[in-house]
Structure formats: C-alpha cells, structure tokens
Amino acid sequence: MSLAEYESASTEALVREILKTLPDLNPGVQKSHSIALGEIIRGRDFTPASVPFMKRFDDLKLRIISPSVLATTPPDNVAIDPDYRVPVYVIQVRTMRQTAGDAWEYEAAWSYKKSFQRRKWKVTGSNGVMKVEPGPVIEGNWRG
C-alpha cells in the first residue's frame, strides 16, 4: 500500500492501541510521542505522519510531534523532543497490508531511549468499530 493510504481509520485504531499499551519506562517524567509511517532509514529517510492525522489523537491529551523535528542527544543518539528536551516514544507503522475488505495486517514498532519492540498486529472493522489484536513479537529488547 502507498504511505498515503496508511492514514486510515484502521491505522488510527492501531496507533491508539499502541499508545494505550506503551510501557511507562521512565515513571514521573513527561513524555512526548512521534508517529512515522513506513520504513525508517536512520539518518536519512522516514515519512512523518501528517499533521491532520496526528490531530486525530488530540483527545488523548498526549504531546504528539512530527518525527521531522526530533533531535538526538549524545552519547547514544536518543531521540528527544527539541522543545522539552525529553526522550520521545517513536511509533513506527512499518507495513500495512489489507487482507480482506475490513481486515488489515500491520507490522509496527515503538522505541524509547534504548528500549524497543516490533510486532505484528491485526485490525478488523465491523460497522465502523475497529478491533485491534496484537500478534507475535518480531524483535525487540522489551518483552513486557
């Protein structure tokens, strides 16, 4: 699918589930979030989610910023929010494949500092209601 097609109701449901289930790896510290679509090639290519797509999550009262504004901090090149100087949860919707008229398979990941997890997901829709089911973990150093 083209990256433009990623900004759909099914992807929104997936991102909402990921945001809801993220582990709090730094309790008490303000968090920022960022959403990238497709493959991320470190230091070169990524596609940030559009501002209208990010605004769909305003009701969650989370700080969601474009990955295009992220900075890094040495020595580990951790992604940080340039305004608040705090680490960012980067959510990557890596692949999306429609398997039926109302069903999609995704590969998505999150990272925070040195912790990350990539897994498969299944999203199905019925009468405008999306159901999100986590699949197997593909890789990562966080196994919660």
N, C-alpha and C. Protein backbone atom coordinates (compact mmCIF):
# COMPACT_ATOMS: atom_id res chain seq x y z
N MET A 1 0.84 -1.18 0.00
CA MET A 1 0.00 0.00 0.00
C MET A 1 0.88 1.24 0.00
N SER A 2 0.38 2.30 -0.59
CA SER A 2 1.14 3.55 -0.56
C SER A 2 1.07 4.16 0.83
N LEU A 3 2.08 4.93 1.18
CA LEU A 3 2.10 5.53 2.52
C LEU A 3 0.92 6.46 2.75
N ALA A 4 0.40 7.07 1.70
CA ALA A 4 -0.77 7.94 1.84
C ALA A 4 -1.97 7.15 2.36
N GLU A 5 -2.05 5.88 2.04
CA GLU A 5 -3.17 5.04 2.49
C GLU A 5 -3.03 4.61 3.95
N TYR A 6 -1.86 4.81 4.54
CA TYR A 6 -1.65 4.43 5.93
C TYR A 6 -2.51 5.25 6.89
N GLU A 7 -2.84 6.48 6.53
CA GLU A 7 -3.56 7.37 7.43
C GLU A 7 -5.06 7.11 7.35
N SER A 8 -5.43 5.93 7.81
CA SER A 8 -6.80 5.44 7.72
C SER A 8 -7.37 5.20 9.11
N ALA A 9 -8.65 4.85 9.15
CA ALA A 9 -9.29 4.53 10.43
C ALA A 9 -8.64 3.32 11.09
N SER A 10 -8.22 2.35 10.28
CA SER A 10 -7.59 1.16 10.87
C SER A 10 -6.23 1.49 11.47
N THR A 11 -5.46 2.35 10.81
CA THR A 11 -4.17 2.75 11.37
C THR A 11 -4.37 3.60 12.61
N GLU A 12 -5.37 4.45 12.60
CA GLU A 12 -5.67 5.24 13.80
C GLU A 12 -5.98 4.31 14.97
N ALA A 13 -6.79 3.29 14.74
CA ALA A 13 -7.12 2.34 15.81
C ALA A 13 -5.86 1.64 16.31
N LEU A 14 -4.99 1.26 15.39
CA LEU A 14 -3.73 0.61 15.77
C LEU A 14 -2.87 1.54 16.63
N VAL A 15 -2.67 2.77 16.17
CA VAL A 15 -1.84 3.71 16.92
C VAL A 15 -2.44 3.99 18.30
N ARG A 16 -3.76 4.12 18.38
CA ARG A 16 -4.40 4.32 19.68
C ARG A 16 -4.10 3.15 20.62
N GLU A 17 -4.15 1.93 20.09
CA GLU A 17 -3.86 0.75 20.92
C GLU A 17 -2.41 0.75 21.37
N ILE A 18 -1.51 1.09 20.47
CA ILE A 18 -0.09 1.14 20.85
C ILE A 18 0.12 2.20 21.92
N LEU A 19 -0.45 3.39 21.72
CA LEU A 19 -0.30 4.46 22.72
C LEU A 19 -0.86 4.03 24.07
N LYS A 20 -1.99 3.33 24.05
CA LYS A 20 -2.64 2.88 25.29
C LYS A 20 -1.80 1.83 26.03
N THR A 21 -1.07 1.02 25.28
CA THR A 21 -0.37 -0.11 25.89
C THR A 21 1.14 0.12 26.04
N LEU A 22 1.63 1.32 25.70
CA LEU A 22 3.07 1.58 25.87
C LEU A 22 3.47 1.42 27.33
N PRO A 23 4.59 0.80 27.59
CA PRO A 23 5.06 0.72 28.98
C PRO A 23 5.58 2.09 29.41
N ASP A 24 5.44 2.39 30.69
CA ASP A 24 5.98 3.64 31.23
C ASP A 24 7.41 3.35 31.68
N LEU A 25 8.34 3.53 30.79
CA LEU A 25 9.73 3.17 31.06
C LEU A 25 10.50 4.22 31.85
N ASN A 26 9.88 5.36 32.09
CA ASN A 26 10.54 6.42 32.86
C ASN A 26 9.46 7.12 33.69
N PRO A 27 8.96 6.43 34.74
CA PRO A 27 7.84 6.97 35.51
C PRO A 27 8.13 8.37 36.05
N GLY A 28 7.10 9.20 35.98
CA GLY A 28 7.20 10.55 36.53
C GLY A 28 7.81 11.57 35.59
N VAL A 29 8.33 11.14 34.45
CA VAL A 29 8.96 12.06 33.51
C VAL A 29 7.97 12.33 32.38
N GLN A 30 7.85 13.58 31.98
CA GLN A 30 6.98 13.96 30.87
C GLN A 30 7.36 13.18 29.62
N LYS A 31 6.35 12.78 28.86
CA LYS A 31 6.60 12.00 27.63
C LYS A 31 6.11 12.77 26.41
N SER A 32 6.80 12.60 25.32
CA SER A 32 6.37 13.06 24.01
C SER A 32 6.32 11.84 23.10
N HIS A 33 5.52 11.94 22.04
CA HIS A 33 5.32 10.83 21.12
C HIS A 33 5.45 11.33 19.70
N SER A 34 5.84 10.44 18.81
CA SER A 34 6.03 10.77 17.41
C SER A 34 5.59 9.58 16.57
N ILE A 35 5.02 9.85 15.40
CA ILE A 35 4.50 8.77 14.55
C ILE A 35 5.15 8.84 13.17
N ALA A 36 5.81 7.75 12.79
CA ALA A 36 6.42 7.63 11.46
C ALA A 36 5.71 6.53 10.69
N LEU A 37 5.63 6.70 9.39
CA LEU A 37 4.97 5.72 8.52
C LEU A 37 5.98 5.10 7.58
N GLY A 38 5.91 3.79 7.42
CA GLY A 38 6.82 3.10 6.51
C GLY A 38 8.17 2.83 7.15
N GLU A 39 9.12 2.58 6.30
CA GLU A 39 10.47 2.23 6.74
C GLU A 39 11.21 3.46 7.26
N ILE A 40 12.03 3.27 8.27
CA ILE A 40 12.89 4.33 8.77
C ILE A 40 14.33 3.92 8.48
N ILE A 41 15.03 4.75 7.73
CA ILE A 41 16.44 4.52 7.47
C ILE A 41 17.19 5.56 8.28
N ARG A 42 17.87 5.11 9.33
CA ARG A 42 18.49 6.01 10.29
C ARG A 42 19.32 7.09 9.61
N GLY A 43 19.01 8.33 9.98
CA GLY A 43 19.78 9.46 9.49
C GLY A 43 19.43 9.90 8.08
N ARG A 44 18.45 9.21 7.43
CA ARG A 44 18.14 9.59 6.04
C ARG A 44 16.66 9.71 5.80
N ASP A 45 15.97 8.60 5.68
CA ASP A 45 14.59 8.62 5.21
C ASP A 45 13.60 8.15 6.25
N PHE A 46 12.46 8.85 6.28
CA PHE A 46 11.30 8.42 7.02
C PHE A 46 10.16 9.28 6.52
N THR A 47 8.95 8.83 6.73
CA THR A 47 7.79 9.61 6.38
C THR A 47 7.03 9.93 7.65
N PRO A 48 6.98 11.19 8.04
CA PRO A 48 6.21 11.53 9.24
C PRO A 48 4.72 11.45 8.95
N ALA A 49 3.95 11.11 9.97
CA ALA A 49 2.50 11.19 9.83
C ALA A 49 2.14 12.66 9.60
N SER A 50 1.08 12.89 8.86
CA SER A 50 0.67 14.26 8.58
C SER A 50 0.09 14.93 9.83
N VAL A 51 0.09 16.24 9.83
CA VAL A 51 -0.48 16.98 10.96
C VAL A 51 -1.96 16.63 11.15
N PRO A 52 -2.78 16.57 10.08
CA PRO A 52 -4.18 16.18 10.29
C PRO A 52 -4.32 14.79 10.93
N PHE A 53 -3.45 13.85 10.54
CA PHE A 53 -3.52 12.52 11.15
C PHE A 53 -3.12 12.59 12.63
N MET A 54 -2.06 13.32 12.95
CA MET A 54 -1.64 13.44 14.35
C MET A 54 -2.72 14.12 15.19
N LYS A 55 -3.45 15.06 14.61
CA LYS A 55 -4.51 15.76 15.34
C LYS A 55 -5.67 14.84 15.71
N ARG A 56 -5.80 13.70 15.04
CA ARG A 56 -6.85 12.73 15.40
C ARG A 56 -6.68 12.24 16.85
N PHE A 57 -5.48 12.40 17.39
CA PHE A 57 -5.20 11.88 18.73
C PHE A 57 -5.25 12.97 19.80
N ASP A 58 -5.72 14.17 19.43
CA ASP A 58 -5.78 15.28 20.39
C ASP A 58 -6.59 14.93 21.63
N ASP A 59 -7.62 14.11 21.48
CA ASP A 59 -8.46 13.75 22.62
C ASP A 59 -7.70 12.97 23.69
N LEU A 60 -6.56 12.40 23.34
CA LEU A 60 -5.77 11.63 24.32
C LEU A 60 -4.95 12.52 25.23
N LYS A 61 -4.84 13.80 24.90
CA LYS A 61 -4.08 14.77 25.71
C LYS A 61 -2.62 14.38 25.87
N LEU A 62 -2.05 13.82 24.80
CA LEU A 62 -0.63 13.47 24.78
C LEU A 62 0.09 14.46 23.88
N ARG A 63 1.35 14.68 24.13
CA ARG A 63 2.14 15.53 23.23
C ARG A 63 2.61 14.64 22.08
N ILE A 64 2.10 14.92 20.88
CA ILE A 64 2.49 14.17 19.69
C ILE A 64 3.11 15.16 18.72
N ILE A 65 4.37 14.91 18.37
CA ILE A 65 5.12 15.81 17.49
C ILE A 65 5.61 15.05 16.26
N SER A 66 5.91 15.78 15.23
CA SER A 66 6.40 15.17 14.00
C SER A 66 7.81 14.62 14.20
N PRO A 67 8.10 13.45 13.62
CA PRO A 67 9.47 12.95 13.71
C PRO A 67 10.47 13.85 12.97
N SER A 68 9.98 14.71 12.10
CA SER A 68 10.89 15.58 11.36
C SER A 68 11.51 16.66 12.24
N VAL A 69 10.96 16.89 13.44
CA VAL A 69 11.54 17.91 14.33
C VAL A 69 12.37 17.30 15.46
N LEU A 70 12.43 15.99 15.53
CA LEU A 70 13.17 15.34 16.61
C LEU A 70 14.66 15.67 16.54
N ALA A 71 15.24 15.78 17.70
CA ALA A 71 16.68 15.95 17.82
C ALA A 71 17.23 14.69 18.48
N THR A 72 18.52 14.56 18.53
CA THR A 72 19.14 13.44 19.24
C THR A 72 20.13 14.00 20.25
N THR A 73 20.39 13.20 21.25
CA THR A 73 21.33 13.62 22.28
C THR A 73 22.42 12.57 22.44
N PRO A 74 23.67 12.99 22.55
CA PRO A 74 24.75 12.03 22.74
C PRO A 74 24.71 11.47 24.16
N PRO A 75 25.35 10.39 24.45
CA PRO A 75 26.23 9.64 23.56
C PRO A 75 25.50 8.59 22.73
N ASP A 76 24.22 8.31 23.06
CA ASP A 76 23.52 7.19 22.42
C ASP A 76 22.59 7.60 21.29
N ASN A 77 22.59 8.89 20.93
CA ASN A 77 21.69 9.40 19.89
C ASN A 77 20.23 9.08 20.17
N VAL A 78 19.81 9.28 21.42
CA VAL A 78 18.43 9.07 21.82
C VAL A 78 17.58 10.17 21.20
N ALA A 79 16.42 9.80 20.63
CA ALA A 79 15.50 10.78 20.06
C ALA A 79 14.87 11.59 21.17
N ILE A 80 14.92 12.93 21.02
CA ILE A 80 14.34 13.79 22.05
C ILE A 80 13.43 14.85 21.42
N ASP A 81 12.51 15.31 22.23
CA ASP A 81 11.64 16.42 21.87
C ASP A 81 12.48 17.69 22.00
N PRO A 82 12.69 18.44 20.93
CA PRO A 82 13.58 19.60 21.00
C PRO A 82 13.05 20.73 21.89
N ASP A 83 11.74 20.80 22.09
CA ASP A 83 11.18 21.86 22.93
C ASP A 83 11.31 21.55 24.42
N TYR A 84 11.05 20.31 24.80
CA TYR A 84 11.07 19.94 26.21
C TYR A 84 12.32 19.19 26.64
N ARG A 85 13.14 18.82 25.66
CA ARG A 85 14.40 18.11 25.94
C ARG A 85 14.17 16.81 26.72
N VAL A 86 13.11 16.08 26.36
CA VAL A 86 12.82 14.79 26.98
C VAL A 86 12.82 13.72 25.89
N PRO A 87 13.14 12.47 26.25
CA PRO A 87 13.08 11.38 25.27
C PRO A 87 11.68 11.22 24.69
N VAL A 88 11.61 10.70 23.49
CA VAL A 88 10.35 10.56 22.75
C VAL A 88 10.07 9.09 22.48
N TYR A 89 8.81 8.71 22.66
CA TYR A 89 8.36 7.42 22.15
C TYR A 89 8.14 7.59 20.66
N VAL A 90 8.89 6.87 19.85
CA VAL A 90 8.70 6.90 18.41
C VAL A 90 7.89 5.66 18.03
N ILE A 91 6.74 5.90 17.41
CA ILE A 91 5.89 4.81 16.94
C ILE A 91 6.06 4.74 15.43
N GLN A 92 6.38 3.55 14.95
CA GLN A 92 6.59 3.34 13.52
C GLN A 92 5.56 2.33 13.02
N VAL A 93 4.71 2.78 12.11
CA VAL A 93 3.81 1.87 11.41
C VAL A 93 4.56 1.46 10.16
N ARG A 94 5.24 0.33 10.26
CA ARG A 94 6.22 -0.06 9.25
C ARG A 94 5.57 -0.60 7.97
N THR A 95 4.65 -1.54 8.12
CA THR A 95 3.95 -2.08 6.95
C THR A 95 2.47 -2.21 7.25
N MET A 96 1.68 -2.15 6.18
CA MET A 96 0.24 -2.30 6.27
C MET A 96 -0.20 -3.09 5.05
N ARG A 97 -1.01 -4.11 5.28
CA ARG A 97 -1.49 -4.93 4.16
C ARG A 97 -2.95 -5.27 4.40
N GLN A 98 -3.79 -4.95 3.44
CA GLN A 98 -5.20 -5.29 3.54
C GLN A 98 -5.36 -6.76 3.18
N THR A 99 -6.00 -7.52 4.08
CA THR A 99 -6.17 -8.96 3.87
C THR A 99 -7.59 -9.32 3.47
N ALA A 100 -8.52 -8.40 3.71
CA ALA A 100 -9.92 -8.57 3.31
C ALA A 100 -10.51 -7.16 3.27
N GLY A 101 -11.77 -7.05 2.90
CA GLY A 101 -12.39 -5.75 2.80
C GLY A 101 -12.35 -4.95 4.09
N ASP A 102 -12.38 -5.64 5.20
CA ASP A 102 -12.40 -4.97 6.50
C ASP A 102 -11.34 -5.52 7.45
N ALA A 103 -10.22 -5.99 6.91
CA ALA A 103 -9.17 -6.57 7.74
C ALA A 103 -7.79 -6.18 7.20
N TRP A 104 -6.88 -5.87 8.13
CA TRP A 104 -5.54 -5.44 7.77
C TRP A 104 -4.53 -6.12 8.68
N GLU A 105 -3.36 -6.37 8.14
CA GLU A 105 -2.22 -6.83 8.94
C GLU A 105 -1.18 -5.73 8.94
N TYR A 106 -0.62 -5.50 10.09
CA TYR A 106 0.39 -4.45 10.25
C TYR A 106 1.65 -5.04 10.87
N GLU A 107 2.72 -4.35 10.63
CA GLU A 107 3.94 -4.54 11.39
C GLU A 107 4.24 -3.15 11.95
N ALA A 108 4.31 -3.05 13.25
CA ALA A 108 4.51 -1.75 13.88
C ALA A 108 5.49 -1.90 15.04
N ALA A 109 6.12 -0.78 15.36
CA ALA A 109 7.13 -0.80 16.42
C ALA A 109 7.04 0.47 17.24
N TRP A 110 7.62 0.40 18.42
CA TRP A 110 7.81 1.59 19.24
C TRP A 110 9.23 1.54 19.78
N SER A 111 9.78 2.71 20.06
CA SER A 111 11.08 2.77 20.72
C SER A 111 11.07 3.95 21.69
N TYR A 112 11.84 3.79 22.74
CA TYR A 112 12.01 4.83 23.76
C TYR A 112 13.40 4.65 24.35
N LYS A 113 14.22 5.64 24.17
CA LYS A 113 15.63 5.53 24.56
C LYS A 113 16.21 4.30 23.88
N LYS A 114 16.72 3.34 24.66
CA LYS A 114 17.31 2.13 24.07
C LYS A 114 16.34 0.95 24.01
N SER A 115 15.13 1.14 24.50
CA SER A 115 14.14 0.06 24.52
C SER A 115 13.29 0.12 23.26
N PHE A 116 12.95 -1.05 22.72
CA PHE A 116 12.09 -1.08 21.54
C PHE A 116 11.42 -2.44 21.42
N GLN A 117 10.34 -2.44 20.64
CA GLN A 117 9.65 -3.69 20.34
C GLN A 117 8.96 -3.55 18.99
N ARG A 118 9.09 -4.55 18.17
CA ARG A 118 8.40 -4.60 16.88
C ARG A 118 7.56 -5.86 16.86
N ARG A 119 6.30 -5.72 16.44
CA ARG A 119 5.41 -6.88 16.41
C ARG A 119 4.41 -6.77 15.27
N LYS A 120 3.73 -7.88 15.04
CA LYS A 120 2.65 -7.91 14.06
C LYS A 120 1.34 -7.57 14.79
N TRP A 121 0.42 -6.99 14.04
CA TRP A 121 -0.89 -6.62 14.57
C TRP A 121 -1.95 -6.97 13.53
N LYS A 122 -3.16 -7.24 14.00
CA LYS A 122 -4.30 -7.46 13.11
C LYS A 122 -5.39 -6.47 13.51
N VAL A 123 -5.93 -5.78 12.52
CA VAL A 123 -7.02 -4.83 12.76
C VAL A 123 -8.19 -5.23 11.88
N THR A 124 -9.35 -5.38 12.48
CA THR A 124 -10.56 -5.70 11.73
C THR A 124 -11.63 -4.66 12.05
N GLY A 125 -12.44 -4.38 11.06
CA GLY A 125 -13.52 -3.42 11.24
C GLY A 125 -14.87 -4.06 11.02
N SER A 126 -15.83 -3.61 11.81
CA SER A 126 -17.19 -4.09 11.65
C SER A 126 -18.14 -2.98 12.08
N ASN A 127 -18.98 -2.53 11.18
CA ASN A 127 -19.94 -1.46 11.47
C ASN A 127 -19.27 -0.22 12.05
N GLY A 128 -18.11 0.13 11.53
CA GLY A 128 -17.41 1.33 11.97
C GLY A 128 -16.61 1.18 13.25
N VAL A 129 -16.60 -0.01 13.84
CA VAL A 129 -15.85 -0.27 15.07
C VAL A 129 -14.62 -1.10 14.71
N MET A 130 -13.46 -0.63 15.13
CA MET A 130 -12.21 -1.32 14.84
C MET A 130 -11.78 -2.16 16.04
N LYS A 131 -11.35 -3.37 15.75
CA LYS A 131 -10.82 -4.27 16.78
C LYS A 131 -9.34 -4.48 16.47
N VAL A 132 -8.49 -4.27 17.46
CA VAL A 132 -7.04 -4.37 17.29
C VAL A 132 -6.54 -5.54 18.14
N GLU A 133 -5.81 -6.45 17.49
CA GLU A 133 -5.26 -7.62 18.19
C GLU A 133 -3.76 -7.68 17.99
N PRO A 134 -3.01 -7.76 19.11
CA PRO A 134 -1.56 -7.90 18.96
C PRO A 134 -1.20 -9.29 18.47
N GLY A 135 -0.19 -9.34 17.65
CA GLY A 135 0.33 -10.60 17.15
C GLY A 135 1.67 -10.90 17.79
N PRO A 136 2.45 -11.76 17.17
CA PRO A 136 3.74 -12.12 17.76
C PRO A 136 4.74 -10.97 17.70
N VAL A 137 5.61 -10.96 18.70
CA VAL A 137 6.73 -10.02 18.72
C VAL A 137 7.75 -10.51 17.71
N ILE A 138 8.22 -9.61 16.87
CA ILE A 138 9.20 -9.95 15.84
C ILE A 138 10.61 -9.74 16.36
N GLU A 139 10.81 -8.61 17.02
CA GLU A 139 12.11 -8.34 17.62
C GLU A 139 11.97 -7.26 18.66
N GLY A 140 12.98 -7.12 19.48
CA GLY A 140 12.98 -6.06 20.48
C GLY A 140 13.68 -6.51 21.74
N ASN A 141 14.02 -5.53 22.56
CA ASN A 141 14.67 -5.85 23.82
C ASN A 141 13.73 -5.65 25.01
N TRP A 142 12.49 -5.30 24.73
CA TRP A 142 11.47 -5.19 25.79
C TRP A 142 10.43 -6.25 25.52
N ARG A 143 10.18 -7.08 26.51
CA ARG A 143 9.27 -8.22 26.33
C ARG A 143 8.09 -8.19 27.28
N GLY A 144 7.65 -7.03 27.68
CA GLY A 144 6.55 -6.93 28.65
C GLY A 144 5.23 -7.39 28.15
